[in-house]
């Protein structure tokens, strides 16, 4: 009994901390104002079906963001030197505009390999057709590693 109690106590910090062993792939996007209710229904359906079609994709969440993300975008005319300055924390003159990301999707993957498989899977290609009818091209994407 003591051994069982010691084993439980040695594992309980990990259980209490809820250590995540999976990878979260999340992205926020800007909606196309002209997207129809049918376009949104097709996107929701296609998104919710992905875990049943792609091994290693465990779960998806999608919806309107509680607080839209404001993203500054340049006009795309920054040359390589100015891009390098920005990456190093410097500042450069540029034309920018504010883009609002109102919607988001998070996908839980078993591991990084499963994310790579998803990106090349035929079901991903089919899903993209529905996704592209509700979003302006471009997303704000990030992955949370285990």
C-alpha atoms as a PDB file:
ATOM      1  CA  UNK A   1       0.000   0.000   0.000  1.00  0.00           C
ATOM      2  CA  UNK A   2       2.875   2.367   0.824  1.00  0.00           C
ATOM      3  CA  UNK A   3       4.451   1.692  -2.549  1.00  0.00           C
ATOM      4  CA  UNK A   4       1.177   2.488  -4.299  1.00  0.00           C
ATOM      5  CA  UNK A   5       0.861   5.736  -2.319  1.00  0.00           C
ATOM      6  CA  UNK A   6       4.459   6.694  -3.150  1.00  0.00           C
ATOM      7  CA  UNK A   7       3.888   5.999  -6.839  1.00  0.00           C
ATOM      8  CA  UNK A   8       0.734   8.110  -6.830  1.00  0.00           C
ATOM      9  CA  UNK A   9       2.487  10.979  -5.063  1.00  0.00           C
ATOM     10  CA  UNK A  10       5.435  10.854  -7.459  1.00  0.00           C
ATOM     11  CA  UNK A  11       3.117  11.091 -10.491  1.00  0.00           C
ATOM     12  CA  UNK A  12       0.574  13.505  -9.018  1.00  0.00           C
ATOM     13  CA  UNK A  13       2.552  16.720  -9.752  1.00  0.00           C
ATOM     14  CA  UNK A  14       2.535  15.843 -13.457  1.00  0.00           C
ATOM     15  CA  UNK A  15      -1.175  15.091 -13.279  1.00  0.00           C
ATOM     16  CA  UNK A  16      -1.917  18.320 -11.405  1.00  0.00           C
ATOM     17  CA  UNK A  17       0.161  20.385 -13.815  1.00  0.00           C
ATOM     18  CA  UNK A  18      -1.722  18.869 -16.761  1.00  0.00           C
ATOM     19  CA  UNK A  19       1.385  18.331 -18.825  1.00  0.00           C
ATOM     20  CA  UNK A  20       0.452  18.554 -22.479  1.00  0.00           C
ATOM     21  CA  UNK A  21       2.103  16.011 -24.756  1.00  0.00           C
ATOM     22  CA  UNK A  22       0.354  17.063 -27.938  1.00  0.00           C
ATOM     23  CA  UNK A  23       0.946  19.909 -30.386  1.00  0.00           C
ATOM     24  CA  UNK A  24      -1.555  22.739 -30.870  1.00  0.00           C
ATOM     25  CA  UNK A  25      -1.705  24.338 -34.325  1.00  0.00           C
ATOM     26  CA  UNK A  26      -3.721  27.562 -34.173  1.00  0.00           C
ATOM     27  CA  UNK A  27      -4.517  30.298 -36.625  1.00  0.00           C
ATOM     28  CA  UNK A  28      -6.633  33.424 -36.762  1.00  0.00           C
ATOM     29  CA  UNK A  29      -8.147  34.758 -39.960  1.00  0.00           C
ATOM     30  CA  UNK A  30     -10.101  37.634 -41.430  1.00  0.00           C
ATOM     31  CA  UNK A  31     -13.541  36.817 -42.764  1.00  0.00           C
ATOM     32  CA  UNK A  32     -14.688  37.560 -46.285  1.00  0.00           C
ATOM     33  CA  UNK A  33     -17.644  39.927 -45.791  1.00  0.00           C
ATOM     34  CA  UNK A  34     -19.465  38.401 -48.774  1.00  0.00           C
ATOM     35  CA  UNK A  35     -19.253  34.832 -47.428  1.00  0.00           C
ATOM     36  CA  UNK A  36     -22.705  33.285 -47.316  1.00  0.00           C
ATOM     37  CA  UNK A  37     -24.317  31.252 -44.564  1.00  0.00           C
ATOM     38  CA  UNK A  38     -23.868  28.204 -46.810  1.00  0.00           C
ATOM     39  CA  UNK A  39     -20.127  28.971 -47.114  1.00  0.00           C
ATOM     40  CA  UNK A  40     -19.833  29.128 -43.302  1.00  0.00           C
ATOM     41  CA  UNK A  41     -21.844  25.933 -42.852  1.00  0.00           C
ATOM     42  CA  UNK A  42     -19.571  24.128 -45.334  1.00  0.00           C
ATOM     43  CA  UNK A  43     -16.476  25.452 -43.533  1.00  0.00           C
ATOM     44  CA  UNK A  44     -17.769  24.329 -40.112  1.00  0.00           C
ATOM     45  CA  UNK A  45     -18.706  20.885 -41.415  1.00  0.00           C
ATOM     46  CA  UNK A  46     -15.389  20.399 -43.212  1.00  0.00           C
ATOM     47  CA  UNK A  47     -13.442  21.562 -40.137  1.00  0.00           C
ATOM     48  CA  UNK A  48     -15.318  19.285 -37.737  1.00  0.00           C
ATOM     49  CA  UNK A  49     -14.811  16.271 -40.030  1.00  0.00           C
ATOM     50  CA  UNK A  50     -11.015  16.629 -40.243  1.00  0.00           C
ATOM     51  CA  UNK A  51     -10.162  14.525 -37.148  1.00  0.00           C
ATOM     52  CA  UNK A  52     -12.083  11.567 -38.567  1.00  0.00           C
ATOM     53  CA  UNK A  53     -10.159  11.815 -41.841  1.00  0.00           C
ATOM     54  CA  UNK A  54      -6.568  12.503 -40.736  1.00  0.00           C
ATOM     55  CA  UNK A  55      -4.724  10.165 -38.398  1.00  0.00           C
ATOM     56  CA  UNK A  56      -2.999  12.103 -35.636  1.00  0.00           C
ATOM     57  CA  UNK A  57      -5.391  15.071 -35.743  1.00  0.00           C
ATOM     58  CA  UNK A  58      -7.126  14.597 -32.425  1.00  0.00           C
ATOM     59  CA  UNK A  59      -9.519  17.525 -32.052  1.00  0.00           C
ATOM     60  CA  UNK A  60     -10.461  20.871 -33.577  1.00  0.00           C
ATOM     61  CA  UNK A  61     -11.911  24.069 -32.162  1.00  0.00           C
ATOM     62  CA  UNK A  62     -13.216  26.898 -34.308  1.00  0.00           C
ATOM     63  CA  UNK A  63     -15.230  30.053 -33.917  1.00  0.00           C
ATOM     64  CA  UNK A  64     -15.358  33.795 -33.624  1.00  0.00           C
ATOM     65  CA  UNK A  65     -12.622  35.293 -31.457  1.00  0.00           C
ATOM     66  CA  UNK A  66     -13.738  36.884 -28.191  1.00  0.00           C
ATOM     67  CA  UNK A  67     -11.337  39.749 -28.909  1.00  0.00           C
ATOM     68  CA  UNK A  68     -10.352  40.238 -32.561  1.00  0.00           C
ATOM     69  CA  UNK A  69      -6.613  40.461 -33.181  1.00  0.00           C
ATOM     70  CA  UNK A  70      -5.309  43.649 -34.747  1.00  0.00           C
ATOM     71  CA  UNK A  71      -2.354  42.875 -37.013  1.00  0.00           C
ATOM     72  CA  UNK A  72      -0.224  45.494 -38.724  1.00  0.00           C
ATOM     73  CA  UNK A  73       0.668  44.551 -42.291  1.00  0.00           C
ATOM     74  CA  UNK A  74       3.151  46.270 -44.558  1.00  0.00           C
ATOM     75  CA  UNK A  75       2.408  46.972 -48.171  1.00  0.00           C
ATOM     76  CA  UNK A  76       4.805  44.178 -49.123  1.00  0.00           C
ATOM     77  CA  UNK A  77       7.398  46.563 -50.541  1.00  0.00           C
ATOM     78  CA  UNK A  78      10.006  46.112 -47.813  1.00  0.00           C
ATOM     79  CA  UNK A  79      13.331  45.106 -49.285  1.00  0.00           C
ATOM     80  CA  UNK A  80      15.523  42.396 -47.750  1.00  0.00           C
ATOM     81  CA  UNK A  81      17.691  44.880 -45.808  1.00  0.00           C
ATOM     82  CA  UNK A  82      14.676  46.511 -44.160  1.00  0.00           C
ATOM     83  CA  UNK A  83      13.142  43.131 -43.353  1.00  0.00           C
ATOM     84  CA  UNK A  84      16.405  42.138 -41.671  1.00  0.00           C
ATOM     85  CA  UNK A  85      16.437  45.366 -39.636  1.00  0.00           C
ATOM     86  CA  UNK A  86      12.910  44.694 -38.436  1.00  0.00           C
ATOM     87  CA  UNK A  87      13.714  41.105 -37.431  1.00  0.00           C
ATOM     88  CA  UNK A  88      16.650  42.420 -35.413  1.00  0.00           C
ATOM     89  CA  UNK A  89      14.395  44.823 -33.508  1.00  0.00           C
ATOM     90  CA  UNK A  90      15.132  47.953 -35.541  1.00  0.00           C
ATOM     91  CA  UNK A  91      12.669  50.296 -37.164  1.00  0.00           C
ATOM     92  CA  UNK A  92      12.224  51.285 -40.799  1.00  0.00           C
ATOM     93  CA  UNK A  93       9.843  53.590 -42.654  1.00  0.00           C
ATOM     94  CA  UNK A  94       6.947  51.653 -44.183  1.00  0.00           C
ATOM     95  CA  UNK A  95       3.329  51.916 -45.250  1.00  0.00           C
ATOM     96  CA  UNK A  96       1.183  49.767 -42.960  1.00  0.00           C
ATOM     97  CA  UNK A  97      -2.461  48.919 -42.552  1.00  0.00           C
ATOM     98  CA  UNK A  98      -4.413  47.325 -39.717  1.00  0.00           C
ATOM     99  CA  UNK A  99      -5.948  43.925 -40.446  1.00  0.00           C
ATOM    100  CA  UNK A 100      -8.499  42.455 -38.050  1.00  0.00           C
ATOM    101  CA  UNK A 101      -8.548  38.719 -37.447  1.00  0.00           C
ATOM    102  CA  UNK A 102     -12.066  37.896 -36.225  1.00  0.00           C
ATOM    103  CA  UNK A 103     -12.108  34.080 -36.368  1.00  0.00           C
ATOM    104  CA  UNK A 104      -9.818  31.284 -35.259  1.00  0.00           C
ATOM    105  CA  UNK A 105      -9.157  27.568 -35.458  1.00  0.00           C
ATOM    106  CA  UNK A 106      -7.046  25.387 -33.188  1.00  0.00           C
ATOM    107  CA  UNK A 107      -6.141  21.831 -34.040  1.00  0.00           C
ATOM    108  CA  UNK A 108      -4.673  19.376 -31.573  1.00  0.00           C
ATOM    109  CA  UNK A 109      -2.174  16.957 -33.110  1.00  0.00           C
ATOM    110  CA  UNK A 110      -0.561  13.904 -31.577  1.00  0.00           C
ATOM    111  CA  UNK A 111       2.880  15.289 -32.446  1.00  0.00           C
ATOM    112  CA  UNK A 112       4.831  17.349 -34.992  1.00  0.00           C
ATOM    113  CA  UNK A 113       4.890  14.472 -37.469  1.00  0.00           C
ATOM    114  CA  UNK A 114       1.076  14.381 -37.477  1.00  0.00           C
ATOM    115  CA  UNK A 115       1.030  18.105 -38.341  1.00  0.00           C
ATOM    116  CA  UNK A 116       3.322  17.416 -41.306  1.00  0.00           C
ATOM    117  CA  UNK A 117       1.044  14.592 -42.473  1.00  0.00           C
ATOM    118  CA  UNK A 118      -2.003  16.876 -42.191  1.00  0.00           C
ATOM    119  CA  UNK A 119      -0.403  19.529 -44.390  1.00  0.00           C
ATOM    120  CA  UNK A 120       0.044  17.011 -47.250  1.00  0.00           C
ATOM    121  CA  UNK A 121      -3.158  15.019 -46.748  1.00  0.00           C
ATOM    122  CA  UNK A 122      -5.866  15.040 -49.476  1.00  0.00           C
ATOM    123  CA  UNK A 123      -8.483  15.857 -46.797  1.00  0.00           C
ATOM    124  CA  UNK A 124      -6.534  19.048 -46.050  1.00  0.00           C
ATOM    125  CA  UNK A 125      -6.723  20.038 -49.706  1.00  0.00           C
ATOM    126  CA  UNK A 126     -10.502  19.482 -49.714  1.00  0.00           C
ATOM    127  CA  UNK A 127     -10.868  21.440 -46.443  1.00  0.00           C
ATOM    128  CA  UNK A 128      -8.906  24.357 -47.936  1.00  0.00           C
ATOM    129  CA  UNK A 129     -11.595  24.754 -50.619  1.00  0.00           C
ATOM    130  CA  UNK A 130     -14.206  25.424 -47.909  1.00  0.00           C
ATOM    131  CA  UNK A 131     -11.812  27.552 -45.824  1.00  0.00           C
ATOM    132  CA  UNK A 132     -10.906  29.811 -48.738  1.00  0.00           C
ATOM    133  CA  UNK A 133     -14.589  30.743 -49.209  1.00  0.00           C
ATOM    134  CA  UNK A 134     -14.799  32.334 -45.748  1.00  0.00           C
ATOM    135  CA  UNK A 135     -11.388  33.938 -45.272  1.00  0.00           C
ATOM    136  CA  UNK A 136      -9.323  36.687 -46.783  1.00  0.00           C
ATOM    137  CA  UNK A 137      -5.964  35.197 -47.903  1.00  0.00           C
ATOM    138  CA  UNK A 138      -3.397  35.282 -45.123  1.00  0.00           C
ATOM    139  CA  UNK A 139      -3.554  34.074 -41.537  1.00  0.00           C
ATOM    140  CA  UNK A 140      -1.826  34.610 -38.236  1.00  0.00           C
ATOM    141  CA  UNK A 141      -0.547  31.152 -37.366  1.00  0.00           C
ATOM    142  CA  UNK A 142       1.335  29.681 -34.421  1.00  0.00           C
ATOM    143  CA  UNK A 143       2.129  26.245 -33.032  1.00  0.00           C
ATOM    144  CA  UNK A 144       2.380  25.408 -29.344  1.00  0.00           C
ATOM    145  CA  UNK A 145       4.889  22.607 -28.852  1.00  0.00           C
ATOM    146  CA  UNK A 146       4.514  19.911 -26.176  1.00  0.00           C
END
